[in-house]
Amino acid sequence: MRHKEIEMSLVQEPAPGPYVVATAWHCSACDVQGRTLEAGEATCWNCDGQVTVTARPSLKIDDL
């Protein structure tokens, strides 16, 4: 398999059913991490500043 084909085979589609895309993030100014389920731009809960998004997992609503 080529490298590109291997990368594509690792991508998983979200499970069927209702789900939400969460945003996991890190604030380097405060050295804290967080997660938000709200749509839009994520901000730090501590300083309300900019954050670095580290992941956007899809979560089944039943699991919340």
C-alpha atoms as a PDB file:
ATOM      1  CA  MET A   1       0.000   0.000   0.000  1.00  0.00           C
ATOM      2  CA  ARG A   2       1.137   3.511  -0.622  1.00  0.00           C
ATOM      3  CA  HIS A   3       1.564   5.991   2.225  1.00  0.00           C
ATOM      4  CA  LYS A   4      -1.506   8.002   1.167  1.00  0.00           C
ATOM      5  CA  GLU A   5      -3.659   4.849   1.051  1.00  0.00           C
ATOM      6  CA  ILE A   6      -2.537   3.893   4.559  1.00  0.00           C
ATOM      7  CA  GLU A   7      -3.452   7.346   5.900  1.00  0.00           C
ATOM      8  CA  MET A   8      -6.889   7.154   4.295  1.00  0.00           C
ATOM      9  CA  SER A   9      -7.558   3.710   5.770  1.00  0.00           C
ATOM     10  CA  LEU A  10      -6.968   5.057   9.306  1.00  0.00           C
ATOM     11  CA  VAL A  11      -9.733   7.661   9.029  1.00  0.00           C
ATOM     12  CA  GLN A  12     -12.899   6.465  10.730  1.00  0.00           C
ATOM     13  CA  GLU A  13     -16.338   7.758   9.933  1.00  0.00           C
ATOM     14  CA  PRO A  14     -18.523   8.815  12.892  1.00  0.00           C
ATOM     15  CA  ALA A  15     -20.893   6.163  14.185  1.00  0.00           C
ATOM     16  CA  PRO A  16     -24.459   6.458  12.888  1.00  0.00           C
ATOM     17  CA  GLY A  17     -26.869   8.326  15.092  1.00  0.00           C
ATOM     18  CA  PRO A  18     -26.906  11.730  16.751  1.00  0.00           C
ATOM     19  CA  TYR A  19     -23.464  13.061  17.570  1.00  0.00           C
ATOM     20  CA  VAL A  20     -21.712  16.327  18.385  1.00  0.00           C
ATOM     21  CA  VAL A  21     -18.213  17.472  17.439  1.00  0.00           C
ATOM     22  CA  ALA A  22     -16.276  18.494  20.540  1.00  0.00           C
ATOM     23  CA  THR A  23     -13.218  20.755  20.563  1.00  0.00           C
ATOM     24  CA  ALA A  24     -10.268  19.812  22.760  1.00  0.00           C
ATOM     25  CA  TRP A  25      -7.832  22.673  23.303  1.00  0.00           C
ATOM     26  CA  HIS A  26      -4.788  23.914  25.246  1.00  0.00           C
ATOM     27  CA  CYS A  27      -4.112  27.451  26.494  1.00  0.00           C
ATOM     28  CA  SER A  28      -0.354  28.031  26.580  1.00  0.00           C
ATOM     29  CA  ALA A  29      -0.726  31.294  28.552  1.00  0.00           C
ATOM     30  CA  CYS A  30      -2.474  29.551  31.476  1.00  0.00           C
ATOM     31  CA  ASP A  31      -1.093  26.039  30.844  1.00  0.00           C
ATOM     32  CA  VAL A  32      -4.604  24.582  31.121  1.00  0.00           C
ATOM     33  CA  GLN A  33      -6.618  22.314  28.858  1.00  0.00           C
ATOM     34  CA  GLY A  34     -10.303  22.158  28.161  1.00  0.00           C
ATOM     35  CA  ARG A  35     -13.040  20.806  25.988  1.00  0.00           C
ATOM     36  CA  THR A  36     -16.111  22.494  24.596  1.00  0.00           C
ATOM     37  CA  LEU A  37     -19.198  21.200  22.818  1.00  0.00           C
ATOM     38  CA  GLU A  38     -20.339  24.628  21.633  1.00  0.00           C
ATOM     39  CA  ALA A  39     -20.065  25.613  17.991  1.00  0.00           C
ATOM     40  CA  GLY A  40     -17.787  28.483  17.117  1.00  0.00           C
ATOM     41  CA  GLU A  41     -14.349  29.502  18.252  1.00  0.00           C
ATOM     42  CA  ALA A  42     -13.021  27.953  21.474  1.00  0.00           C
ATOM     43  CA  THR A  43     -11.600  30.226  24.169  1.00  0.00           C
ATOM     44  CA  CYS A  44      -9.867  29.556  27.471  1.00  0.00           C
ATOM     45  CA  TRP A  45     -12.203  29.191  30.451  1.00  0.00           C
ATOM     46  CA  ASN A  46      -9.544  30.730  32.716  1.00  0.00           C
ATOM     47  CA  CYS A  47      -8.370  33.847  30.844  1.00  0.00           C
ATOM     48  CA  ASP A  48     -10.901  33.993  27.960  1.00  0.00           C
ATOM     49  CA  GLY A  49      -7.905  34.111  25.598  1.00  0.00           C
ATOM     50  CA  GLN A  50      -6.968  32.278  22.426  1.00  0.00           C
ATOM     51  CA  VAL A  51      -6.289  28.552  22.552  1.00  0.00           C
ATOM     52  CA  THR A  52      -4.633  25.927  20.371  1.00  0.00           C
ATOM     53  CA  VAL A  53      -7.095  23.295  19.162  1.00  0.00           C
ATOM     54  CA  THR A  54      -5.607  19.838  19.731  1.00  0.00           C
ATOM     55  CA  ALA A  55      -8.480  17.611  18.539  1.00  0.00           C
ATOM     56  CA  ARG A  56     -12.036  17.649  17.221  1.00  0.00           C
ATOM     57  CA  PRO A  57     -13.494  14.246  18.129  1.00  0.00           C
ATOM     58  CA  SER A  58     -17.069  13.333  17.263  1.00  0.00           C
ATOM     59  CA  LEU A  59     -18.964  12.039  20.295  1.00  0.00           C
ATOM     60  CA  LYS A  60     -22.225  10.143  20.233  1.00  0.00           C
ATOM     61  CA  ILE A  61     -24.823  12.064  22.211  1.00  0.00           C
ATOM     62  CA  ASP A  62     -25.789   8.825  23.989  1.00  0.00           C
ATOM     63  CA  ASP A  63     -22.259   8.694  25.469  1.00  0.00           C
ATOM     64  CA  LEU A  64     -22.473  12.175  27.010  1.00  0.00           C
END
